[in-house]
N, C-alpha and C. Protein backbone atom coordinates (compact mmCIF):
# COMPACT_ATOMS: atom_id res chain seq x y z
N MET A 1 57.41 133.51 41.61
CA MET A 1 58.03 134.10 42.15
C MET A 1 58.91 133.28 43.00
N ILE A 2 58.09 132.58 43.42
CA ILE A 2 58.36 131.26 44.62
C ILE A 2 59.08 129.95 43.89
N GLY A 3 58.68 129.80 42.94
CA GLY A 3 59.19 128.87 42.24
C GLY A 3 60.36 128.95 41.52
N HIS A 4 60.44 130.39 41.07
CA HIS A 4 62.10 130.53 40.77
C HIS A 4 62.93 130.73 41.99
N TYR A 5 62.73 130.86 43.21
CA TYR A 5 63.78 130.82 44.28
C TYR A 5 63.75 129.55 44.79
N VAL A 6 62.71 128.51 44.45
CA VAL A 6 63.27 127.11 44.64
C VAL A 6 64.13 126.27 43.74
N ARG A 7 63.69 127.03 42.39
CA ARG A 7 64.60 126.16 41.33
C ARG A 7 66.16 126.57 41.72
N ARG A 8 66.19 128.06 41.88
CA ARG A 8 67.28 128.99 42.27
C ARG A 8 68.38 127.68 43.03
N PHE A 9 67.59 128.09 44.36
CA PHE A 9 67.99 127.34 45.58
C PHE A 9 68.82 125.33 45.07
N PHE A 10 68.15 124.88 44.28
CA PHE A 10 68.51 123.73 44.18
C PHE A 10 69.69 123.69 43.05
N THR A 11 69.67 124.42 42.22
CA THR A 11 70.93 124.66 41.37
C THR A 11 71.97 125.42 41.72
N SER A 12 71.20 125.96 43.07
CA SER A 12 73.01 126.69 43.80
C SER A 12 73.55 125.82 44.82
N LEU A 13 72.83 124.46 44.74
CA LEU A 13 73.76 123.82 45.71
C LEU A 13 75.04 123.33 45.42
N SER A 14 75.38 123.19 43.78
CA SER A 14 76.10 122.35 43.13
C SER A 14 77.19 123.42 42.80
N ARG A 15 78.40 123.48 42.85
CA ARG A 15 79.83 123.57 42.95
C ARG A 15 80.79 123.88 41.64
N ARG A 16 79.78 122.58 40.65
CA ARG A 16 80.09 122.21 39.41
C ARG A 16 80.89 123.81 38.98
N PRO A 17 81.93 123.86 38.23
CA PRO A 17 82.20 125.22 37.17
C PRO A 17 81.19 125.36 35.80
N PRO A 18 81.10 125.87 35.35
CA PRO A 18 80.72 126.30 33.65
C PRO A 18 81.56 125.91 33.00
N SER A 19 80.81 125.01 31.73
CA SER A 19 81.48 124.39 31.04
C SER A 19 82.96 125.18 30.56
N PRO A 20 84.13 124.30 29.68
CA PRO A 20 84.75 125.26 29.32
C PRO A 20 84.54 125.90 27.99
N GLU A 21 83.75 125.31 27.36
CA GLU A 21 82.65 125.83 26.13
C GLU A 21 82.03 127.02 26.53
N ASP A 22 81.48 127.07 27.78
CA ASP A 22 80.68 128.02 28.03
C ASP A 22 81.64 129.41 28.56
N GLU A 23 82.93 129.15 29.22
CA GLU A 23 83.62 130.10 29.58
C GLU A 23 84.42 130.79 28.59
N GLN A 24 84.54 129.96 27.69
CA GLN A 24 85.09 130.42 26.42
C GLN A 24 84.19 131.46 25.91
N TRP A 25 83.17 130.98 25.61
CA TRP A 25 82.11 131.41 24.81
C TRP A 25 82.10 132.98 25.89
N VAL A 26 82.24 133.09 26.87
CA VAL A 26 82.10 134.67 27.65
C VAL A 26 83.33 135.32 27.14
N ALA A 27 84.26 134.68 27.42
CA ALA A 27 85.55 135.35 27.00
C ALA A 27 85.37 135.82 25.68
N SER A 28 84.74 135.28 24.88
CA SER A 28 84.82 135.89 23.60
C SER A 28 83.67 136.83 23.35
N ILE A 29 82.89 137.41 23.96
CA ILE A 29 81.90 138.40 24.14
C ILE A 29 82.04 139.54 25.09
N ALA A 30 82.80 139.41 25.92
CA ALA A 30 83.27 140.19 27.20
C ALA A 30 84.45 140.90 26.99
N PRO A 31 84.60 142.09 27.13
CA PRO A 31 85.52 142.73 27.19
C PRO A 31 86.40 142.80 28.50
N ALA A 32 87.71 142.73 28.46
CA ALA A 32 88.12 142.11 29.38
C ALA A 32 87.78 143.26 30.88
N PRO A 33 87.39 144.53 30.90
CA PRO A 33 87.41 144.64 32.15
C PRO A 33 85.74 144.15 32.64
N GLU A 34 85.14 143.85 31.51
CA GLU A 34 83.50 143.16 32.11
C GLU A 34 83.87 141.83 32.64
N LEU A 35 85.08 140.84 31.44
CA LEU A 35 85.41 139.72 32.02
C LEU A 35 85.66 139.51 33.32
N ALA A 36 86.80 140.67 33.65
CA ALA A 36 87.23 140.70 35.08
C ALA A 36 85.87 140.41 36.36
N LEU A 37 85.16 141.08 36.55
CA LEU A 37 84.35 140.96 37.18
C LEU A 37 83.58 140.03 37.27
N PHE A 38 83.13 139.30 35.65
CA PHE A 38 82.41 138.16 35.57
C PHE A 38 83.24 136.84 36.39
N THR A 39 84.44 136.67 36.08
CA THR A 39 85.37 135.45 36.55
C THR A 39 85.48 135.43 37.77
N ARG A 40 85.37 136.90 38.48
CA ARG A 40 85.67 136.57 40.23
C ARG A 40 84.55 135.89 40.70
N LEU A 41 83.37 135.98 40.10
CA LEU A 41 82.17 135.28 40.59
C LEU A 41 82.46 133.74 40.73
N SER A 42 81.33 133.17 41.70
CA SER A 42 81.30 132.00 42.43
C SER A 42 80.87 131.06 41.30
N ASN A 43 81.32 130.02 40.53
CA ASN A 43 80.53 129.01 40.03
C ASN A 43 79.12 128.67 39.72
N THR A 44 78.50 129.02 40.90
CA THR A 44 76.78 129.07 40.98
C THR A 44 76.39 130.42 40.24
N ASP A 45 76.99 131.88 40.52
CA ASP A 45 76.78 132.56 40.01
C ASP A 45 76.93 132.78 38.00
N ARG A 46 78.19 132.06 38.18
CA ARG A 46 79.04 132.24 36.89
C ARG A 46 77.76 131.30 35.71
N ARG A 47 77.55 130.39 36.57
CA ARG A 47 76.40 129.48 35.57
C ARG A 47 74.91 129.92 35.51
N HIS A 48 74.20 130.63 36.42
CA HIS A 48 73.45 131.70 35.88
C HIS A 48 73.35 132.57 35.19
N LEU A 49 74.67 133.72 35.32
CA LEU A 49 74.64 134.60 34.36
C LEU A 49 74.84 134.10 32.74
N ILE A 50 75.95 132.90 32.30
CA ILE A 50 75.84 132.48 31.63
C ILE A 50 74.51 131.72 30.95
N HIS A 51 73.58 131.10 31.55
CA HIS A 51 72.43 130.74 31.46
C HIS A 51 71.62 131.79 31.08
N SER A 52 71.44 133.14 31.62
CA SER A 52 70.73 134.24 31.46
C SER A 52 71.47 134.77 30.15
N ALA A 53 72.31 135.17 29.89
CA ALA A 53 72.83 135.31 28.31
C ALA A 53 72.68 134.71 27.15
N ARG A 54 72.53 133.76 27.47
CA ARG A 54 72.08 132.61 26.68
C ARG A 54 71.01 132.50 26.39
N VAL A 55 70.07 132.49 27.11
CA VAL A 55 68.86 132.81 27.03
C VAL A 55 68.23 134.08 26.18
N MET A 56 69.13 135.21 26.95
CA MET A 56 69.26 136.11 25.81
C MET A 56 69.48 136.55 24.88
N GLU A 57 70.70 135.55 24.43
CA GLU A 57 70.79 135.25 23.11
C GLU A 57 70.08 134.73 21.76
N HIS A 58 69.08 134.08 22.50
CA HIS A 58 68.50 133.33 21.54
C HIS A 58 66.79 133.96 21.83
N ALA A 59 66.72 135.29 22.30
CA ALA A 59 65.78 135.66 22.61
C ALA A 59 65.38 137.15 21.56
N LEU A 60 67.15 137.31 21.15
CA LEU A 60 67.04 138.29 20.03
C LEU A 60 66.68 138.56 19.07
N GLY A 61 66.13 139.33 18.16
CA GLY A 61 65.60 139.35 17.01
C GLY A 61 66.71 139.73 15.91
N PRO A 62 66.91 139.16 14.84
CA PRO A 62 67.60 140.16 13.75
C PRO A 62 68.02 141.24 13.77
N ASP A 63 67.18 142.51 14.14
CA ASP A 63 67.53 143.65 14.51
C ASP A 63 67.69 143.86 15.95
N ASP A 64 68.15 143.38 16.53
CA ASP A 64 68.22 143.70 18.10
C ASP A 64 69.76 143.62 18.31
N ASP A 65 70.48 144.51 19.08
CA ASP A 65 71.97 145.13 19.18
C ASP A 65 72.39 143.58 19.88
N PRO A 66 73.51 143.08 20.04
CA PRO A 66 74.07 141.90 20.73
C PRO A 66 74.42 142.28 21.97
N VAL A 67 74.53 143.53 22.40
CA VAL A 67 75.10 143.91 23.41
C VAL A 67 74.28 143.78 24.51
N TRP A 68 72.60 143.40 24.32
CA TRP A 68 71.93 142.70 25.38
C TRP A 68 72.49 141.65 25.81
N VAL A 69 73.24 140.50 25.39
CA VAL A 69 73.80 139.18 25.92
C VAL A 69 74.63 139.68 26.91
N ARG A 70 75.62 140.68 26.30
CA ARG A 70 76.61 141.07 27.88
C ARG A 70 76.13 141.73 28.51
N VAL A 71 74.93 142.59 28.72
CA VAL A 71 74.28 143.45 29.52
C VAL A 71 73.61 141.91 30.79
N SER A 72 73.04 141.01 30.11
CA SER A 72 72.37 139.92 30.97
C SER A 72 73.77 139.05 31.64
N LEU A 73 74.83 139.09 31.25
CA LEU A 73 75.83 138.27 31.63
C LEU A 73 76.47 139.03 32.85
N LEU A 74 76.06 140.30 33.24
CA LEU A 74 76.90 141.06 34.07
C LEU A 74 75.88 141.46 35.20
N HIS A 75 74.19 141.31 35.14
CA HIS A 75 73.37 142.01 36.13
C HIS A 75 74.00 141.70 37.30
N ASP A 76 74.47 140.44 37.80
CA ASP A 76 74.70 140.14 39.26
C ASP A 76 76.08 140.20 39.99
N VAL A 77 76.72 141.04 38.86
CA VAL A 77 78.14 140.75 39.66
C VAL A 77 78.58 141.76 40.94
N GLY A 78 77.34 142.40 41.18
CA GLY A 78 77.37 142.76 42.43
C GLY A 78 78.11 142.04 43.82
N LYS A 79 76.98 140.75 43.73
CA LYS A 79 76.97 139.74 44.67
C LYS A 79 78.30 139.30 45.37
N PHE A 80 79.32 139.70 44.26
CA PHE A 80 80.79 139.18 45.11
C PHE A 80 81.11 139.61 46.33
N ASP A 81 80.69 140.94 46.59
CA ASP A 81 81.03 141.72 47.44
C ASP A 81 80.85 141.19 49.39
N ALA A 82 79.56 140.62 48.74
CA ALA A 82 78.58 139.99 50.06
C ALA A 82 79.25 138.61 50.52
N GLY A 83 80.20 137.94 49.98
CA GLY A 83 80.71 136.96 50.03
C GLY A 83 79.97 135.84 50.80
N LEU A 84 78.54 135.83 50.46
CA LEU A 84 77.98 134.85 51.44
C LEU A 84 77.62 133.39 50.54
N GLY A 85 77.23 132.26 50.85
CA GLY A 85 77.13 131.35 50.24
C GLY A 85 75.50 131.22 50.44
N VAL A 86 75.31 130.06 49.97
CA VAL A 86 73.75 129.43 49.76
C VAL A 86 72.95 129.99 50.45
N PHE A 87 73.23 129.53 51.68
CA PHE A 87 72.01 129.49 53.03
C PHE A 87 72.00 131.08 53.50
N GLY A 88 73.32 131.81 53.16
CA GLY A 88 73.37 133.50 54.07
C GLY A 88 72.41 133.78 52.78
N ARG A 89 71.99 133.48 51.54
CA ARG A 89 71.68 134.17 50.67
C ARG A 89 70.48 133.79 50.74
N VAL A 90 69.68 132.84 51.07
CA VAL A 90 68.45 132.37 51.56
C VAL A 90 68.01 132.90 52.71
N THR A 91 68.87 132.99 53.83
CA THR A 91 68.43 133.64 54.79
C THR A 91 68.40 135.53 54.50
N THR A 92 69.04 136.34 53.57
CA THR A 92 68.99 137.39 53.29
C THR A 92 67.42 137.12 52.69
N THR A 93 67.38 136.69 51.70
CA THR A 93 65.94 136.91 51.10
C THR A 93 64.98 136.66 52.05
N VAL A 94 65.00 135.70 53.01
CA VAL A 94 63.40 135.94 53.82
C VAL A 94 63.24 136.96 54.49
N LEU A 95 64.84 137.43 55.19
CA LEU A 95 64.83 138.64 56.00
C LEU A 95 64.12 139.33 55.26
N ALA A 96 64.65 139.97 54.29
CA ALA A 96 64.12 141.28 53.36
C ALA A 96 62.35 141.18 53.20
N THR A 97 62.30 139.83 53.06
CA THR A 97 60.86 139.70 52.77
C THR A 97 60.07 139.77 54.15
N VAL A 98 60.55 139.46 55.01
CA VAL A 98 59.69 139.48 56.65
C VAL A 98 60.04 140.62 56.86
N ILE A 99 61.18 141.35 56.93
CA ILE A 99 61.36 142.93 58.15
C ILE A 99 61.56 144.14 57.22
N GLY A 100 61.53 143.36 55.95
CA GLY A 100 61.45 144.86 54.75
C GLY A 100 63.00 144.80 53.96
N ASP A 101 62.64 145.09 52.75
CA ASP A 101 64.07 145.48 51.85
C ASP A 101 64.99 146.35 52.12
N ALA A 102 64.26 147.71 52.53
CA ALA A 102 64.95 149.01 52.89
C ALA A 102 65.72 148.73 53.87
N ARG A 103 64.98 148.03 55.33
CA ARG A 103 65.70 147.68 56.61
C ARG A 103 67.08 147.10 56.21
N VAL A 104 66.77 145.56 55.13
CA VAL A 104 68.35 144.96 55.52
C VAL A 104 68.97 145.57 54.38
N ARG A 105 68.52 146.63 53.22
CA ARG A 105 69.65 147.07 52.74
C ARG A 105 70.25 148.02 53.41
N GLY A 106 69.71 148.28 54.46
CA GLY A 106 70.36 149.25 55.70
C GLY A 106 71.47 148.95 56.44
N TRP A 107 71.60 147.68 56.29
CA TRP A 107 72.37 147.32 56.71
C TRP A 107 74.21 146.90 56.11
N ALA A 108 74.32 147.52 54.87
CA ALA A 108 75.01 147.83 54.17
C ALA A 108 76.22 147.73 54.33
N SER A 109 75.94 148.94 55.30
CA SER A 109 77.14 149.65 55.91
C SER A 109 77.80 149.34 57.21
N ARG A 110 77.16 148.41 57.86
CA ARG A 110 77.44 147.61 58.94
C ARG A 110 78.67 146.91 58.92
N THR A 111 79.41 146.08 59.73
CA THR A 111 80.38 145.30 59.73
C THR A 111 79.77 143.90 59.83
N GLY A 112 80.16 142.97 59.71
CA GLY A 112 80.13 141.54 60.27
C GLY A 112 79.24 140.71 59.25
N TRP A 113 78.49 140.06 60.16
CA TRP A 113 77.20 139.20 59.27
C TRP A 113 76.27 140.61 58.65
N ARG A 114 75.60 141.04 59.39
CA ARG A 114 75.01 141.91 59.12
C ARG A 114 75.21 142.99 58.01
N GLY A 115 76.04 143.26 57.90
CA GLY A 115 77.07 143.89 56.61
C GLY A 115 76.97 143.18 55.58
N ARG A 116 77.28 142.14 55.45
CA ARG A 116 77.14 140.95 54.52
C ARG A 116 75.79 141.10 53.91
N VAL A 117 75.17 140.82 54.98
CA VAL A 117 73.68 140.67 55.04
C VAL A 117 72.81 141.87 53.55
N GLY A 118 73.31 142.75 54.01
CA GLY A 118 73.44 144.46 53.49
C GLY A 118 73.73 144.34 52.26
N LEU A 119 75.03 144.10 51.88
CA LEU A 119 76.00 144.08 50.81
C LEU A 119 74.95 143.18 49.46
N TYR A 120 74.61 141.72 49.98
CA TYR A 120 73.90 141.24 48.91
C TYR A 120 72.22 141.67 48.80
N GLN A 121 72.03 142.55 49.51
CA GLN A 121 70.73 143.22 49.39
C GLN A 121 70.94 143.84 48.54
N THR A 122 71.86 144.68 48.55
CA THR A 122 72.26 145.81 47.49
C THR A 122 72.92 145.52 46.26
N HIS A 123 73.12 144.10 46.03
CA HIS A 123 74.18 144.18 45.22
C HIS A 123 73.96 144.56 43.57
N ASP A 124 72.50 144.74 43.15
CA ASP A 124 71.76 145.60 42.61
C ASP A 124 72.86 146.75 42.27
N GLU A 125 73.00 147.85 43.12
CA GLU A 125 73.47 148.95 42.93
C GLU A 125 75.08 148.86 43.06
N ILE A 126 75.56 148.00 43.97
CA ILE A 126 76.65 147.69 44.05
C ILE A 126 77.20 147.42 42.32
N GLY A 127 76.76 146.18 41.85
CA GLY A 127 77.04 145.82 40.29
C GLY A 127 77.23 147.10 39.59
N ALA A 128 76.02 148.08 39.75
CA ALA A 128 76.20 148.77 38.96
C ALA A 128 77.54 149.73 38.96
N ALA A 129 77.59 150.47 40.07
CA ALA A 129 79.08 150.92 39.96
C ALA A 129 80.19 150.06 39.87
N GLN A 130 80.17 149.00 40.01
CA GLN A 130 81.33 148.16 39.77
C GLN A 130 81.54 148.24 38.01
N ILE A 131 80.20 147.94 37.36
CA ILE A 131 80.12 148.00 36.14
C ILE A 131 80.64 149.36 35.35
N ARG A 132 80.01 150.53 36.09
CA ARG A 132 80.71 151.99 35.63
C ARG A 132 82.00 152.02 35.90
N ALA A 133 82.67 151.82 37.04
CA ALA A 133 84.24 152.05 36.92
C ALA A 133 84.83 151.13 36.60
N ALA A 134 84.81 150.02 36.22
CA ALA A 134 85.21 149.06 35.33
C ALA A 134 85.45 149.60 33.73
N GLY A 135 84.34 150.93 33.75
CA GLY A 135 83.93 150.92 32.26
C GLY A 135 83.12 150.25 31.41
N GLY A 136 82.91 149.41 31.79
CA GLY A 136 81.62 148.36 31.39
C GLY A 136 80.71 149.39 30.41
N THR A 137 79.71 148.02 29.86
CA THR A 137 78.69 149.33 28.81
C THR A 137 77.52 149.75 29.85
N GLU A 138 77.21 151.22 29.75
CA GLU A 138 76.22 151.92 30.76
C GLU A 138 75.03 150.96 30.48
N ALA A 139 74.85 150.49 29.34
CA ALA A 139 73.18 149.46 29.56
C ALA A 139 73.63 148.79 31.01
N ALA A 140 74.72 147.87 30.74
CA ALA A 140 74.91 146.54 32.12
C ALA A 140 74.58 147.49 33.36
N ALA A 141 75.20 148.41 33.24
CA ALA A 141 75.01 149.26 34.66
C ALA A 141 73.46 149.68 35.15
N VAL A 142 72.77 149.92 33.92
CA VAL A 142 71.07 150.31 34.13
C VAL A 142 70.59 149.12 34.67
N TRP A 143 70.94 148.04 33.54
CA TRP A 143 69.99 146.77 34.31
C TRP A 143 70.59 146.20 35.82
N SER A 144 71.84 146.41 35.73
CA SER A 144 71.81 145.66 37.13
C SER A 144 71.48 146.85 38.27
N GLU A 145 70.92 148.01 38.41
CA GLU A 145 70.54 148.81 38.92
C GLU A 145 68.67 148.29 38.80
N LEU A 146 68.37 147.93 37.83
CA LEU A 146 66.90 147.63 37.69
C LEU A 146 66.65 146.34 38.10
N HIS A 147 67.27 145.32 37.99
CA HIS A 147 66.84 143.79 37.53
C HIS A 147 66.12 143.31 38.50
N HIS A 148 65.66 143.89 39.80
CA HIS A 148 65.16 143.68 40.88
C HIS A 148 64.04 144.29 40.85
N HIS A 149 63.88 145.26 40.38
CA HIS A 149 62.81 146.74 40.55
C HIS A 149 61.68 147.11 39.33
N PRO A 150 61.12 146.12 39.04
CA PRO A 150 60.42 146.45 37.83
C PRO A 150 59.72 147.52 37.68
N GLU A 151 59.19 147.81 39.01
CA GLU A 151 58.23 149.20 38.86
C GLU A 151 59.37 150.00 38.50
N ARG A 152 60.19 150.24 38.43
CA ARG A 152 61.18 151.13 37.68
C ARG A 152 61.30 151.19 36.31
N PHE A 153 61.02 150.49 35.22
CA PHE A 153 61.01 149.42 34.36
C PHE A 153 60.60 150.81 33.38
N ALA A 154 59.63 151.21 33.79
CA ALA A 154 59.27 152.56 32.34
C ALA A 154 60.11 153.53 32.39
N SER A 155 61.12 153.80 33.78
CA SER A 155 61.65 155.26 33.69
C SER A 155 63.13 154.78 32.90
N SER A 156 63.51 153.77 32.36
CA SER A 156 64.72 153.51 32.18
C SER A 156 65.12 153.90 30.41
N SER A 157 66.44 153.58 30.34
CA SER A 157 66.86 154.22 29.06
C SER A 157 66.90 153.15 28.16
N ILE A 158 66.68 151.82 28.95
CA ILE A 158 66.42 150.67 27.81
C ILE A 158 65.04 150.38 27.59
N PRO A 159 64.92 149.87 26.26
CA PRO A 159 63.64 149.95 25.69
C PRO A 159 62.70 148.78 26.40
N MET A 160 61.36 148.85 26.29
CA MET A 160 60.76 148.08 27.31
C MET A 160 60.83 146.54 26.90
N SER A 161 60.74 146.65 25.52
CA SER A 161 60.51 144.94 25.00
C SER A 161 62.04 144.56 25.31
N VAL A 162 63.29 145.29 25.43
CA VAL A 162 64.33 144.46 25.84
C VAL A 162 64.23 144.29 27.50
N LEU A 163 63.58 145.34 28.43
CA LEU A 163 63.66 144.70 29.39
C LEU A 163 63.22 143.69 29.90
N ARG A 164 61.71 143.68 29.10
CA ARG A 164 60.92 142.42 29.55
C ARG A 164 61.64 141.28 28.98
N ARG A 165 62.44 140.86 27.85
CA ARG A 165 63.91 139.96 27.51
C ARG A 165 64.53 139.63 28.56
N LEU A 166 65.27 140.68 29.02
CA LEU A 166 65.98 140.97 30.03
C LEU A 166 65.22 140.20 31.39
N ASP A 167 64.45 140.85 31.87
CA ASP A 167 63.81 139.89 32.92
C ASP A 167 63.32 138.69 33.08
N ALA A 168 63.21 138.24 31.60
CA ALA A 168 62.65 136.73 31.44
C ALA A 168 63.90 135.48 31.84
N ALA A 169 65.03 136.44 30.72
CA ALA A 169 66.28 135.40 30.94
C ALA A 169 66.76 135.22 32.32
N ASP A 170 66.63 136.34 33.28
CA ASP A 170 66.89 135.97 34.35
C ASP A 170 65.64 135.65 35.37
N HIS A 171 64.84 134.56 34.88
CA HIS A 171 63.93 133.46 35.86
C HIS A 171 64.06 132.74 34.94
């Protein structure tokens, strides 16, 4: 897990936008309401989500529903509301590890920096609510809620084989 965070940190330092080809690909697969959630994200988040969706696209079998690619593309849309940069996100991750996820999530109702940290830590729930409010696919909302909670995978409406591939694509 630490290796995942180290890789994400270094790739997050680049402000390079996704390639025009990748942006066109996203526009070709995402309906307008989902595309609107995606396009407001930072370049770093968009690049990560495109990578995740591309990995998922390659992991699909011939009998799999292609909706899982869009599901992978949307799982982090809730990060937008926090407005944190790379170092604020790193700090949030460290704080959640040291003082506890529940405590940091509890800050989401506060104002100021702590509130933004809490919003970032609850981006899974926020993203799910935003996907639903936009009329996005329910599976994308479910994956957004679950993607940091493998302990809840077994109770999901998403097949376990798909959840494993979505999780692998996110890492």
